[in-house]
Amino acid sequence: MKPDWDALGEKYEDSKKVLIGDVDCTGSGKELCDRFGVTGYPTLKYFNPPDTEGETYEGGRSLKELKKFAKSLGPGCSAATWDKCSDAQKAELQPYLDMSEEELVALRDATQSAIDTAQSEHDALLKQLQETFEASQKRLDELKKAEQPKLKLVKTALKGKPAPTEPAAKDEV
């Protein structure tokens, strides 16, 4: 993906609307990655003003798909850009605009907490599965190491033996 990402960066190098960049989350960019919840690599984030939290891009990773997505970027629907909203977006957003700031903060925190809990449970399950896989792989490797020599001898012995013959049928009297 890196060559396509770099090509996309070159295409938008002089853009006043789109900035393509990358961050080394294992080095000096770790704090930034932590701030935006980046835990896997590569993770593509995009920000449409006035959004300061960013969204994770889940689309295609080819240059063609990345270019198509980049062309669609720009200020999205928000309270600050109401004129950019479709009627459907306005209908979806309006109930939240009708809430007090205190209600919105409580809803945001509860929703984020639910996501964080689910992520923690997912991560714990993934760790458990990884440990189970590694233990199974170790048992398999040990069994193969112990049994392969015997299997080789058995196969070698079978190669030198004549094919078994069917026992002759007994005549019934």
N, C-alpha and C. Protein backbone atom coordinates (compact mmCIF):
# COMPACT_ATOMS: atom_id res chain seq x y z
N MET A 1 0.81 -1.19 0.00
CA MET A 1 0.00 0.00 0.00
C MET A 1 0.86 1.26 0.00
N LYS A 2 2.05 1.17 0.53
CA LYS A 2 2.91 2.35 0.67
C LYS A 2 3.15 3.07 -0.66
N PRO A 3 3.45 2.37 -1.76
CA PRO A 3 3.65 3.09 -3.02
C PRO A 3 2.41 3.89 -3.46
N ASP A 4 1.23 3.29 -3.28
CA ASP A 4 0.00 4.00 -3.66
C ASP A 4 -0.24 5.20 -2.74
N TRP A 5 0.06 5.04 -1.46
CA TRP A 5 -0.11 6.14 -0.51
C TRP A 5 0.84 7.29 -0.86
N ASP A 6 2.07 6.95 -1.17
CA ASP A 6 3.05 7.98 -1.55
C ASP A 6 2.63 8.68 -2.84
N ALA A 7 2.10 7.91 -3.80
CA ALA A 7 1.63 8.51 -5.06
C ALA A 7 0.45 9.44 -4.80
N LEU A 8 -0.43 9.07 -3.88
CA LEU A 8 -1.55 9.93 -3.53
C LEU A 8 -1.04 11.22 -2.90
N GLY A 9 -0.04 11.11 -2.03
CA GLY A 9 0.57 12.29 -1.41
C GLY A 9 1.16 13.23 -2.44
N GLU A 10 1.81 12.66 -3.45
CA GLU A 10 2.39 13.48 -4.52
C GLU A 10 1.30 14.19 -5.31
N LYS A 11 0.20 13.50 -5.57
CA LYS A 11 -0.91 14.10 -6.32
C LYS A 11 -1.49 15.32 -5.60
N TYR A 12 -1.57 15.23 -4.28
CA TYR A 12 -2.17 16.31 -3.49
C TYR A 12 -1.12 17.20 -2.81
N GLU A 13 0.11 17.09 -3.23
CA GLU A 13 1.21 17.82 -2.60
C GLU A 13 0.95 19.33 -2.53
N ASP A 14 0.37 19.91 -3.55
CA ASP A 14 0.14 21.35 -3.59
C ASP A 14 -1.30 21.74 -3.29
N SER A 15 -2.10 20.79 -2.82
CA SER A 15 -3.51 21.06 -2.54
C SER A 15 -3.67 21.97 -1.32
N LYS A 16 -4.61 22.88 -1.41
CA LYS A 16 -4.95 23.73 -0.27
C LYS A 16 -6.08 23.13 0.56
N LYS A 17 -6.70 22.04 0.04
CA LYS A 17 -7.84 21.42 0.71
C LYS A 17 -7.52 20.06 1.32
N VAL A 18 -6.55 19.34 0.73
CA VAL A 18 -6.27 17.97 1.16
C VAL A 18 -4.81 17.86 1.57
N LEU A 19 -4.59 17.27 2.73
CA LEU A 19 -3.23 17.01 3.21
C LEU A 19 -3.09 15.50 3.39
N ILE A 20 -2.13 14.92 2.72
CA ILE A 20 -1.85 13.49 2.85
C ILE A 20 -0.54 13.39 3.63
N GLY A 21 -0.57 12.64 4.70
CA GLY A 21 0.64 12.49 5.51
C GLY A 21 0.70 11.11 6.12
N ASP A 22 1.79 10.83 6.80
CA ASP A 22 1.88 9.58 7.54
C ASP A 22 2.64 9.82 8.83
N VAL A 23 2.37 8.95 9.78
CA VAL A 23 2.92 9.08 11.13
C VAL A 23 3.52 7.73 11.53
N ASP A 24 4.70 7.74 12.09
CA ASP A 24 5.32 6.53 12.62
C ASP A 24 4.82 6.33 14.05
N CYS A 25 3.87 5.43 14.21
CA CYS A 25 3.26 5.22 15.52
C CYS A 25 4.16 4.49 16.50
N THR A 26 5.27 3.97 16.03
CA THR A 26 6.19 3.28 16.93
C THR A 26 7.32 4.20 17.37
N GLY A 27 7.38 5.38 16.77
CA GLY A 27 8.46 6.32 17.09
C GLY A 27 7.91 7.61 17.64
N SER A 28 8.34 8.70 17.05
CA SER A 28 7.98 10.03 17.56
C SER A 28 6.49 10.33 17.44
N GLY A 29 5.75 9.59 16.63
CA GLY A 29 4.32 9.84 16.46
C GLY A 29 3.43 9.04 17.38
N LYS A 30 4.03 8.29 18.32
CA LYS A 30 3.24 7.43 19.20
C LYS A 30 2.16 8.19 19.96
N GLU A 31 2.49 9.35 20.48
CA GLU A 31 1.51 10.14 21.25
C GLU A 31 0.32 10.52 20.38
N LEU A 32 0.58 10.93 19.16
CA LEU A 32 -0.48 11.31 18.23
C LEU A 32 -1.36 10.10 17.91
N CYS A 33 -0.74 8.97 17.68
CA CYS A 33 -1.49 7.75 17.39
C CYS A 33 -2.35 7.34 18.58
N ASP A 34 -1.81 7.43 19.78
CA ASP A 34 -2.58 7.12 20.98
C ASP A 34 -3.78 8.06 21.10
N ARG A 35 -3.56 9.33 20.82
CA ARG A 35 -4.63 10.34 20.92
C ARG A 35 -5.80 10.00 20.00
N PHE A 36 -5.51 9.46 18.82
CA PHE A 36 -6.56 9.17 17.87
C PHE A 36 -6.93 7.69 17.80
N GLY A 37 -6.48 6.91 18.78
CA GLY A 37 -6.90 5.52 18.89
C GLY A 37 -6.36 4.60 17.82
N VAL A 38 -5.21 4.91 17.28
CA VAL A 38 -4.60 4.05 16.26
C VAL A 38 -3.86 2.92 16.96
N THR A 39 -4.33 1.68 16.72
CA THR A 39 -3.71 0.52 17.37
C THR A 39 -3.19 -0.48 16.36
N GLY A 40 -3.65 -0.43 15.13
CA GLY A 40 -3.20 -1.35 14.09
C GLY A 40 -2.63 -0.56 12.93
N TYR A 41 -1.78 -1.22 12.15
CA TYR A 41 -1.10 -0.51 11.07
C TYR A 41 -1.23 -1.29 9.78
N PRO A 42 -1.48 -0.69 8.64
CA PRO A 42 -1.70 0.75 8.53
C PRO A 42 -3.14 1.12 8.87
N THR A 43 -3.32 2.23 9.52
CA THR A 43 -4.64 2.79 9.80
C THR A 43 -4.71 4.12 9.07
N LEU A 44 -5.76 4.31 8.31
CA LEU A 44 -5.95 5.57 7.60
C LEU A 44 -7.02 6.38 8.31
N LYS A 45 -6.68 7.59 8.67
CA LYS A 45 -7.62 8.51 9.33
C LYS A 45 -7.86 9.69 8.40
N TYR A 46 -9.07 10.22 8.44
CA TYR A 46 -9.37 11.43 7.68
C TYR A 46 -10.17 12.37 8.55
N PHE A 47 -10.03 13.64 8.26
CA PHE A 47 -10.67 14.69 9.04
C PHE A 47 -11.36 15.63 8.07
N ASN A 48 -12.64 15.81 8.26
CA ASN A 48 -13.41 16.77 7.48
C ASN A 48 -13.76 17.91 8.42
N PRO A 49 -13.35 19.13 8.12
CA PRO A 49 -13.67 20.25 9.00
C PRO A 49 -15.18 20.34 9.21
N PRO A 50 -15.63 20.62 10.39
CA PRO A 50 -14.90 21.04 11.58
C PRO A 50 -14.52 19.88 12.50
N ASP A 51 -14.61 18.66 12.01
CA ASP A 51 -14.29 17.46 12.80
C ASP A 51 -12.84 17.50 13.28
N THR A 52 -12.65 17.31 14.58
CA THR A 52 -11.29 17.27 15.12
C THR A 52 -10.96 15.88 15.69
N GLU A 53 -11.92 14.97 15.64
CA GLU A 53 -11.71 13.63 16.16
C GLU A 53 -11.21 12.67 15.08
N GLY A 54 -11.62 12.92 13.84
CA GLY A 54 -11.22 12.07 12.74
C GLY A 54 -12.06 10.81 12.65
N GLU A 55 -12.04 10.25 11.47
CA GLU A 55 -12.75 9.00 11.19
C GLU A 55 -11.73 8.03 10.62
N THR A 56 -11.96 6.74 10.83
CA THR A 56 -11.09 5.72 10.26
C THR A 56 -11.61 5.35 8.88
N TYR A 57 -10.74 5.41 7.89
CA TYR A 57 -11.10 5.05 6.52
C TYR A 57 -11.09 3.54 6.39
N GLU A 58 -12.19 2.98 5.91
CA GLU A 58 -12.31 1.53 5.79
C GLU A 58 -12.43 1.09 4.33
N GLY A 59 -12.25 2.00 3.39
CA GLY A 59 -12.41 1.69 1.97
C GLY A 59 -11.21 0.98 1.37
N GLY A 60 -11.24 0.90 0.05
CA GLY A 60 -10.19 0.21 -0.69
C GLY A 60 -8.84 0.90 -0.54
N ARG A 61 -7.78 0.15 -0.77
CA ARG A 61 -6.43 0.65 -0.54
C ARG A 61 -5.64 0.86 -1.83
N SER A 62 -6.26 0.66 -2.99
CA SER A 62 -5.54 0.89 -4.24
C SER A 62 -5.48 2.39 -4.51
N LEU A 63 -4.56 2.79 -5.36
CA LEU A 63 -4.43 4.21 -5.70
C LEU A 63 -5.72 4.76 -6.27
N LYS A 64 -6.36 4.00 -7.14
CA LYS A 64 -7.61 4.44 -7.76
C LYS A 64 -8.69 4.70 -6.69
N GLU A 65 -8.82 3.77 -5.74
CA GLU A 65 -9.82 3.91 -4.69
C GLU A 65 -9.47 5.06 -3.74
N LEU A 66 -8.20 5.22 -3.42
CA LEU A 66 -7.77 6.30 -2.54
C LEU A 66 -8.00 7.66 -3.20
N LYS A 67 -7.72 7.77 -4.50
CA LYS A 67 -7.96 9.03 -5.22
C LYS A 67 -9.45 9.37 -5.22
N LYS A 68 -10.27 8.38 -5.49
CA LYS A 68 -11.73 8.60 -5.51
C LYS A 68 -12.20 9.11 -4.15
N PHE A 69 -11.71 8.49 -3.08
CA PHE A 69 -12.11 8.92 -1.75
C PHE A 69 -11.60 10.33 -1.45
N ALA A 70 -10.36 10.61 -1.78
CA ALA A 70 -9.78 11.93 -1.51
C ALA A 70 -10.58 13.03 -2.21
N LYS A 71 -11.07 12.75 -3.41
CA LYS A 71 -11.87 13.74 -4.14
C LYS A 71 -13.19 14.04 -3.42
N SER A 72 -13.67 13.09 -2.63
CA SER A 72 -14.95 13.28 -1.94
C SER A 72 -14.80 14.06 -0.64
N LEU A 73 -13.56 14.30 -0.20
CA LEU A 73 -13.34 14.97 1.07
C LEU A 73 -13.68 16.46 0.99
N GLY A 74 -14.04 16.99 2.10
CA GLY A 74 -14.38 18.41 2.21
C GLY A 74 -15.29 18.57 3.40
N PRO A 75 -15.65 19.79 3.71
CA PRO A 75 -16.53 19.98 4.87
C PRO A 75 -17.79 19.15 4.73
N GLY A 76 -18.06 18.38 5.75
CA GLY A 76 -19.25 17.53 5.74
C GLY A 76 -20.40 18.22 6.45
N CYS A 77 -21.41 17.45 6.66
CA CYS A 77 -22.61 17.94 7.34
C CYS A 77 -22.33 18.09 8.83
N SER A 78 -22.59 19.27 9.36
CA SER A 78 -22.49 19.51 10.80
C SER A 78 -23.33 20.72 11.13
N ALA A 79 -23.44 21.01 12.40
CA ALA A 79 -24.19 22.20 12.81
C ALA A 79 -23.54 23.45 12.23
N ALA A 80 -22.22 23.43 12.09
CA ALA A 80 -21.51 24.59 11.56
C ALA A 80 -21.60 24.69 10.04
N THR A 81 -21.90 23.59 9.39
CA THR A 81 -22.00 23.59 7.92
C THR A 81 -23.37 23.06 7.50
N TRP A 82 -24.41 23.57 8.12
CA TRP A 82 -25.78 23.11 7.91
C TRP A 82 -26.17 23.13 6.43
N ASP A 83 -25.66 24.10 5.70
CA ASP A 83 -26.00 24.22 4.28
C ASP A 83 -25.42 23.05 3.46
N LYS A 84 -24.47 22.31 4.01
CA LYS A 84 -23.88 21.16 3.31
C LYS A 84 -24.68 19.87 3.56
N CYS A 85 -25.69 19.94 4.43
CA CYS A 85 -26.45 18.76 4.83
C CYS A 85 -27.63 18.51 3.89
N SER A 86 -27.84 17.23 3.59
CA SER A 86 -29.04 16.85 2.85
C SER A 86 -30.21 16.86 3.82
N ASP A 87 -31.41 16.75 3.31
CA ASP A 87 -32.58 16.70 4.19
C ASP A 87 -32.51 15.49 5.12
N ALA A 88 -32.05 14.37 4.60
CA ALA A 88 -31.93 13.16 5.42
C ALA A 88 -30.91 13.37 6.54
N GLN A 89 -29.78 14.00 6.22
CA GLN A 89 -28.75 14.27 7.24
C GLN A 89 -29.28 15.23 8.30
N LYS A 90 -30.01 16.24 7.87
CA LYS A 90 -30.59 17.19 8.82
C LYS A 90 -31.55 16.48 9.77
N ALA A 91 -32.38 15.59 9.22
CA ALA A 91 -33.33 14.85 10.05
C ALA A 91 -32.61 13.95 11.05
N GLU A 92 -31.49 13.38 10.63
CA GLU A 92 -30.73 12.51 11.52
C GLU A 92 -30.00 13.30 12.61
N LEU A 93 -29.51 14.48 12.28
CA LEU A 93 -28.74 15.30 13.20
C LEU A 93 -29.61 16.11 14.16
N GLN A 94 -30.79 16.48 13.73
CA GLN A 94 -31.64 17.40 14.51
C GLN A 94 -31.90 16.96 15.95
N PRO A 95 -32.22 15.68 16.21
CA PRO A 95 -32.46 15.28 17.61
C PRO A 95 -31.27 15.56 18.52
N TYR A 96 -30.07 15.46 17.99
CA TYR A 96 -28.88 15.73 18.79
C TYR A 96 -28.68 17.22 18.99
N LEU A 97 -29.03 17.99 17.99
CA LEU A 97 -28.93 19.45 18.12
C LEU A 97 -29.93 19.97 19.15
N ASP A 98 -31.03 19.24 19.33
CA ASP A 98 -32.04 19.62 20.30
C ASP A 98 -31.64 19.29 21.74
N MET A 99 -30.60 18.51 21.92
CA MET A 99 -30.13 18.13 23.27
C MET A 99 -29.28 19.24 23.86
N SER A 100 -29.25 19.27 25.19
CA SER A 100 -28.38 20.22 25.87
C SER A 100 -26.93 19.73 25.76
N GLU A 101 -25.99 20.63 26.03
CA GLU A 101 -24.59 20.23 25.98
C GLU A 101 -24.31 19.14 27.01
N GLU A 102 -24.94 19.25 28.16
CA GLU A 102 -24.75 18.25 29.22
C GLU A 102 -25.24 16.88 28.74
N GLU A 103 -26.39 16.83 28.08
CA GLU A 103 -26.91 15.56 27.57
C GLU A 103 -25.99 14.99 26.49
N LEU A 104 -25.50 15.85 25.62
CA LEU A 104 -24.61 15.39 24.55
C LEU A 104 -23.31 14.83 25.12
N VAL A 105 -22.74 15.50 26.11
CA VAL A 105 -21.51 15.03 26.73
C VAL A 105 -21.74 13.67 27.39
N ALA A 106 -22.87 13.53 28.10
CA ALA A 106 -23.18 12.26 28.77
C ALA A 106 -23.37 11.15 27.74
N LEU A 107 -24.06 11.45 26.65
CA LEU A 107 -24.28 10.45 25.60
C LEU A 107 -22.97 10.09 24.91
N ARG A 108 -22.15 11.08 24.64
CA ARG A 108 -20.85 10.83 24.03
C ARG A 108 -20.00 9.93 24.92
N ASP A 109 -19.95 10.26 26.21
CA ASP A 109 -19.13 9.49 27.15
C ASP A 109 -19.64 8.06 27.30
N ALA A 110 -20.96 7.88 27.37
CA ALA A 110 -21.53 6.54 27.50
C ALA A 110 -21.27 5.72 26.25
N THR A 111 -21.41 6.34 25.10
CA THR A 111 -21.17 5.63 23.84
C THR A 111 -19.70 5.26 23.71
N GLN A 112 -18.81 6.18 24.04
CA GLN A 112 -17.38 5.89 23.97
C GLN A 112 -17.01 4.80 24.96
N SER A 113 -17.62 4.83 26.13
CA SER A 113 -17.34 3.81 27.14
C SER A 113 -17.76 2.43 26.64
N ALA A 114 -18.92 2.35 25.99
CA ALA A 114 -19.38 1.07 25.44
C ALA A 114 -18.42 0.57 24.38
N ILE A 115 -17.95 1.44 23.54
CA ILE A 115 -16.99 1.06 22.49
C ILE A 115 -15.68 0.61 23.13
N ASP A 116 -15.20 1.37 24.12
CA ASP A 116 -13.94 1.02 24.79
C ASP A 116 -14.04 -0.34 25.49
N THR A 117 -15.19 -0.61 26.13
CA THR A 117 -15.40 -1.89 26.79
C THR A 117 -15.38 -3.02 25.78
N ALA A 118 -16.11 -2.84 24.68
CA ALA A 118 -16.13 -3.86 23.63
C ALA A 118 -14.73 -4.08 23.06
N GLN A 119 -13.97 -3.01 22.88
CA GLN A 119 -12.61 -3.12 22.36
C GLN A 119 -11.72 -3.90 23.33
N SER A 120 -11.85 -3.61 24.63
CA SER A 120 -11.07 -4.31 25.64
C SER A 120 -11.40 -5.80 25.66
N GLU A 121 -12.69 -6.12 25.57
CA GLU A 121 -13.11 -7.52 25.53
C GLU A 121 -12.57 -8.21 24.28
N HIS A 122 -12.64 -7.51 23.17
CA HIS A 122 -12.12 -8.04 21.91
C HIS A 122 -10.62 -8.30 22.02
N ASP A 123 -9.89 -7.34 22.56
CA ASP A 123 -8.44 -7.47 22.70
C ASP A 123 -8.09 -8.64 23.62
N ALA A 124 -8.85 -8.82 24.71
CA ALA A 124 -8.60 -9.93 25.64
C ALA A 124 -8.86 -11.26 24.94
N LEU A 125 -9.93 -11.33 24.17
CA LEU A 125 -10.23 -12.56 23.43
C LEU A 125 -9.14 -12.84 22.41
N LEU A 126 -8.71 -11.82 21.70
CA LEU A 126 -7.65 -11.99 20.72
C LEU A 126 -6.37 -12.52 21.38
N LYS A 127 -6.05 -11.97 22.55
CA LYS A 127 -4.85 -12.42 23.27
C LYS A 127 -5.00 -13.89 23.68
N GLN A 128 -6.19 -14.25 24.17
CA GLN A 128 -6.45 -15.63 24.58
C GLN A 128 -6.35 -16.57 23.37
N LEU A 129 -6.93 -16.17 22.25
CA LEU A 129 -6.87 -16.99 21.05
C LEU A 129 -5.43 -17.15 20.56
N GLN A 130 -4.67 -16.08 20.63
CA GLN A 130 -3.27 -16.13 20.21
C GLN A 130 -2.48 -17.09 21.10
N GLU A 131 -2.72 -17.03 22.40
CA GLU A 131 -2.03 -17.93 23.33
C GLU A 131 -2.42 -19.38 23.07
N THR A 132 -3.71 -19.62 22.81
CA THR A 132 -4.19 -20.97 22.51
C THR A 132 -3.56 -21.48 21.23
N PHE A 133 -3.53 -20.63 20.21
CA PHE A 133 -2.91 -20.99 18.93
C PHE A 133 -1.44 -21.33 19.12
N GLU A 134 -0.72 -20.50 19.84
CA GLU A 134 0.71 -20.72 20.04
C GLU A 134 0.97 -22.03 20.79
N ALA A 135 0.14 -22.33 21.80
CA ALA A 135 0.31 -23.58 22.55
C ALA A 135 0.02 -24.78 21.64
N SER A 136 -1.02 -24.68 20.83
CA SER A 136 -1.35 -25.76 19.90
C SER A 136 -0.24 -25.93 18.87
N GLN A 137 0.29 -24.83 18.35
CA GLN A 137 1.38 -24.89 17.38
C GLN A 137 2.61 -25.56 17.99
N LYS A 138 2.89 -25.25 19.24
CA LYS A 138 4.04 -25.84 19.92
C LYS A 138 3.85 -27.35 20.07
N ARG A 139 2.64 -27.78 20.48
CA ARG A 139 2.37 -29.22 20.61
C ARG A 139 2.51 -29.92 19.26
N LEU A 140 1.98 -29.31 18.22
CA LEU A 140 2.08 -29.89 16.88
C LEU A 140 3.53 -30.01 16.44
N ASP A 141 4.30 -28.95 16.63
CA ASP A 141 5.71 -28.98 16.25
C ASP A 141 6.47 -30.06 17.01
N GLU A 142 6.18 -30.20 18.31
CA GLU A 142 6.85 -31.21 19.13
C GLU A 142 6.47 -32.61 18.67
N LEU A 143 5.19 -32.81 18.36
CA LEU A 143 4.74 -34.12 17.88
C LEU A 143 5.40 -34.47 16.55
N LYS A 144 5.43 -33.51 15.64
CA LYS A 144 6.07 -33.75 14.34
C LYS A 144 7.55 -34.10 14.53
N LYS A 145 8.23 -33.35 15.39
CA LYS A 145 9.65 -33.59 15.62
C LYS A 145 9.87 -34.99 16.18
N ALA A 146 9.00 -35.41 17.08
CA ALA A 146 9.15 -36.73 17.70
C ALA A 146 8.73 -37.86 16.76
N GLU A 147 7.71 -37.66 15.95
CA GLU A 147 7.13 -38.74 15.15
C GLU A 147 7.62 -38.80 13.72
N GLN A 148 8.17 -37.72 13.17
CA GLN A 148 8.61 -37.73 11.77
C GLN A 148 9.65 -38.82 11.49
N PRO A 149 10.65 -39.02 12.36
CA PRO A 149 11.62 -40.08 12.07
C PRO A 149 10.95 -41.46 11.96
N LYS A 150 10.01 -41.77 12.86
CA LYS A 150 9.30 -43.04 12.83
C LYS A 150 8.48 -43.15 11.54
N LEU A 151 7.80 -42.07 11.16
CA LEU A 151 6.99 -42.07 9.95
C LEU A 151 7.86 -42.31 8.71
N LYS A 152 9.03 -41.71 8.70
CA LYS A 152 9.96 -41.90 7.58
C LYS A 152 10.38 -43.37 7.47
N LEU A 153 10.68 -43.99 8.62
CA LEU A 153 11.06 -45.40 8.62
C LEU A 153 9.92 -46.29 8.16
N VAL A 154 8.73 -46.00 8.60
CA VAL A 154 7.56 -46.79 8.20
C VAL A 154 7.35 -46.68 6.69
N LYS A 155 7.44 -45.48 6.16
CA LYS A 155 7.26 -45.29 4.71
C LYS A 155 8.36 -46.00 3.93
N THR A 156 9.59 -45.96 4.44
CA THR A 156 10.70 -46.64 3.78
C THR A 156 10.47 -48.14 3.78
N ALA A 157 10.03 -48.68 4.91
CA ALA A 157 9.78 -50.12 5.02
C ALA A 157 8.66 -50.54 4.07
N LEU A 158 7.63 -49.69 3.94
CA LEU A 158 6.51 -50.02 3.05
C LEU A 158 6.94 -50.06 1.60
N LYS A 159 7.92 -49.25 1.23
CA LYS A 159 8.38 -49.22 -0.16
C LYS A 159 9.04 -50.54 -0.55
N GLY A 160 9.67 -51.23 0.39
CA GLY A 160 10.38 -52.47 0.08
C GLY A 160 9.52 -53.71 0.19
N LYS A 161 8.34 -53.60 0.68
CA LYS A 161 7.47 -54.77 0.87
C LYS A 161 6.65 -54.99 -0.39
N PRO A 162 6.43 -56.25 -0.75
CA PRO A 162 5.54 -56.51 -1.88
C PRO A 162 4.12 -56.15 -1.48
N ALA A 163 3.32 -55.83 -2.47
CA ALA A 163 1.93 -55.46 -2.20
C ALA A 163 1.22 -56.65 -1.59
N PRO A 164 0.36 -56.39 -0.63
CA PRO A 164 -0.36 -57.51 -0.01
C PRO A 164 -1.26 -58.19 -1.05
N THR A 165 -1.37 -59.50 -0.91
CA THR A 165 -2.24 -60.25 -1.82
C THR A 165 -3.51 -60.59 -1.09
N GLU A 166 -4.57 -60.76 -1.90
CA GLU A 166 -5.86 -61.14 -1.31
C GLU A 166 -5.79 -62.61 -0.93
N PRO A 167 -6.31 -62.96 0.22
CA PRO A 167 -6.32 -64.38 0.56
C PRO A 167 -7.22 -65.14 -0.43
N ALA A 168 -6.80 -66.33 -0.75
CA ALA A 168 -7.59 -67.14 -1.70
C ALA A 168 -8.91 -67.52 -1.05
N ALA A 169 -9.96 -67.51 -1.87
CA ALA A 169 -11.28 -67.86 -1.35
C ALA A 169 -11.31 -69.37 -1.10
N LYS A 170 -11.91 -69.77 -0.01
CA LYS A 170 -12.01 -71.19 0.32
C LYS A 170 -13.23 -71.76 -0.39
N ASP A 171 -13.03 -72.90 -1.00
CA ASP A 171 -14.16 -73.56 -1.66
C ASP A 171 -15.07 -74.14 -0.60
N GLU A 172 -16.34 -73.94 -0.83
CA GLU A 172 -17.31 -74.50 0.12
C GLU A 172 -17.74 -75.86 -0.41
N VAL A 173 -17.89 -76.78 0.46
CA VAL A 173 -18.29 -78.14 0.05
C VAL A 173 -19.67 -78.42 0.51
